């Protein structure tokens, strides 16, 4: 009698355990869960890349300072300013905010002269 009850309870516990495991796997492998997991990992990877880039920039700045000190070069606080467009008459800025028709650009798809 005790032997049958033991095996019955063992089977019941095993069945409940297996059901819980299968339900968790089904939930974990659902499309919504997979998408959320992928998004979380992408955000985590992006954060790690940003930290790496920041560390690299800090190391580069430190090494550049060491090289400047070793070579006795003068360190400028800011890079030299670029010349303005007004100083160079050949350089004009293109206005891309204005629609093409107002800038004098016309295009008619029916004016093509394709030879068939």
Protein backbone atom coordinates (compact mmCIF):
# COMPACT_ATOMS: atom_id res chain seq x y z
CA UNK A 1 0.00 0.00 0.00
CA UNK A 2 2.76 2.46 0.90
CA UNK A 3 4.73 1.46 -2.15
CA UNK A 4 1.77 2.30 -4.46
CA UNK A 5 1.16 5.60 -2.68
CA UNK A 6 4.88 6.48 -3.00
CA UNK A 7 4.92 5.83 -6.74
CA UNK A 8 1.60 7.62 -7.23
CA UNK A 9 2.92 10.74 -5.44
CA UNK A 10 6.24 10.51 -7.29
CA UNK A 11 4.38 10.39 -10.63
CA UNK A 12 2.12 13.29 -9.63
CA UNK A 13 5.07 15.46 -8.56
CA UNK A 14 6.97 14.59 -11.73
CA UNK A 15 3.92 15.47 -13.85
CA UNK A 16 3.48 18.83 -12.14
CA UNK A 17 7.20 19.59 -12.48
CA UNK A 18 7.19 18.68 -16.20
CA UNK A 19 4.05 20.77 -16.83
CA UNK A 20 5.60 23.81 -15.17
CA UNK A 21 8.82 23.39 -17.17
CA UNK A 22 6.95 23.06 -20.47
CA UNK A 23 4.75 26.09 -19.75
CA UNK A 24 7.82 28.19 -18.90
CA UNK A 25 9.55 27.09 -22.11
CA UNK A 26 6.45 27.91 -24.18
CA UNK A 27 6.23 31.38 -22.61
CA UNK A 28 9.96 31.97 -23.08
CA UNK A 29 9.83 30.94 -26.75
CA UNK A 30 6.76 32.98 -27.69
CA UNK A 31 7.32 35.64 -30.38
CA UNK A 32 6.65 38.52 -27.95
CA UNK A 33 9.11 37.15 -25.42
CA UNK A 34 11.77 36.55 -28.07
CA UNK A 35 11.34 40.10 -29.39
CA UNK A 36 11.62 41.57 -25.90
CA UNK A 37 14.73 39.51 -25.19
CA UNK A 38 16.34 40.59 -28.45
CA UNK A 39 15.53 44.25 -27.75
CA UNK A 40 16.98 44.02 -24.24
CA UNK A 41 20.17 42.45 -25.53
CA UNK A 42 20.48 45.07 -28.26
CA UNK A 43 20.13 47.87 -25.71
CA UNK A 44 22.67 46.20 -23.44
CA UNK A 45 25.11 45.79 -26.34
CA UNK A 46 24.66 49.44 -27.32
CA UNK A 47 25.37 50.55 -23.76
CA UNK A 48 28.50 48.42 -23.63
CA UNK A 49 29.70 49.85 -26.97
CA UNK A 50 29.12 53.41 -25.72
CA UNK A 51 31.14 52.66 -22.57
CA UNK A 52 33.91 51.12 -24.66
CA UNK A 53 34.00 54.13 -27.00
CA UNK A 54 34.13 56.50 -24.02
CA UNK A 55 37.02 54.53 -22.52
CA UNK A 56 38.87 54.54 -25.84
CA UNK A 57 38.40 58.32 -26.21
CA UNK A 58 39.63 58.88 -22.65
CA UNK A 59 42.67 56.69 -23.31
CA UNK A 60 43.37 58.49 -26.56
CA UNK A 61 43.18 61.89 -24.86
CA UNK A 62 45.46 60.71 -22.07
CA UNK A 63 48.01 59.29 -24.49
CA UNK A 64 47.85 62.40 -26.65
CA UNK A 65 48.58 64.51 -23.58
CA UNK A 66 51.51 62.25 -22.71
CA UNK A 67 52.89 62.57 -26.24
CA UNK A 68 52.47 66.36 -26.22
CA UNK A 69 54.32 66.56 -22.92
CA UNK A 70 57.08 64.23 -24.12
CA UNK A 71 57.57 66.13 -27.39
CA UNK A 72 57.17 69.58 -25.83
CA UNK A 73 54.33 70.56 -28.12
CA UNK A 74 51.97 73.39 -27.28
CA UNK A 75 48.45 72.20 -26.50
CA UNK A 76 45.58 74.25 -27.89
CA UNK A 77 42.36 74.31 -25.90
CA UNK A 78 40.19 74.39 -28.99
CA UNK A 79 40.80 73.41 -32.61
CA UNK A 80 41.17 76.25 -35.10
CA UNK A 81 37.86 77.54 -36.43
CA UNK A 82 36.91 76.72 -39.98
CA UNK A 83 36.54 79.69 -42.34
CA UNK A 84 32.97 80.86 -42.89
CA UNK A 85 31.27 80.39 -46.25
CA UNK A 86 31.11 84.19 -46.78
CA UNK A 87 34.91 84.31 -46.90
CA UNK A 88 34.89 82.02 -49.93
CA UNK A 89 32.52 83.32 -52.64
CA UNK A 90 32.68 80.05 -54.57
CA UNK A 91 31.19 78.12 -51.66
CA UNK A 92 27.46 78.55 -51.25
CA UNK A 93 25.14 76.56 -49.08
CA UNK A 94 22.39 74.65 -50.83
CA UNK A 95 18.93 75.26 -49.48
CA UNK A 96 17.38 71.83 -49.18
CA UNK A 97 14.43 73.09 -47.15
CA UNK A 98 12.88 74.67 -50.24
CA UNK A 99 10.91 72.27 -52.43
CA UNK A 100 12.44 71.37 -55.79
CA UNK A 101 9.73 73.17 -57.79
CA UNK A 102 10.48 76.48 -56.03
CA UNK A 103 14.20 76.08 -56.68
CA UNK A 104 13.54 75.88 -60.42
CA UNK A 105 13.98 72.13 -60.71
CA UNK A 106 11.27 70.52 -62.80
CA UNK A 107 10.77 66.89 -63.65
CA UNK A 108 8.11 65.43 -65.87
CA UNK A 109 8.00 61.66 -66.16
CA UNK A 110 6.22 61.88 -69.52
CA UNK A 111 8.97 63.95 -71.18
CA UNK A 112 11.32 60.99 -71.40
CA UNK A 113 12.60 60.32 -74.88
CA UNK A 114 13.26 56.62 -74.70
CA UNK A 115 13.70 54.77 -77.91
CA UNK A 116 11.71 51.59 -77.94
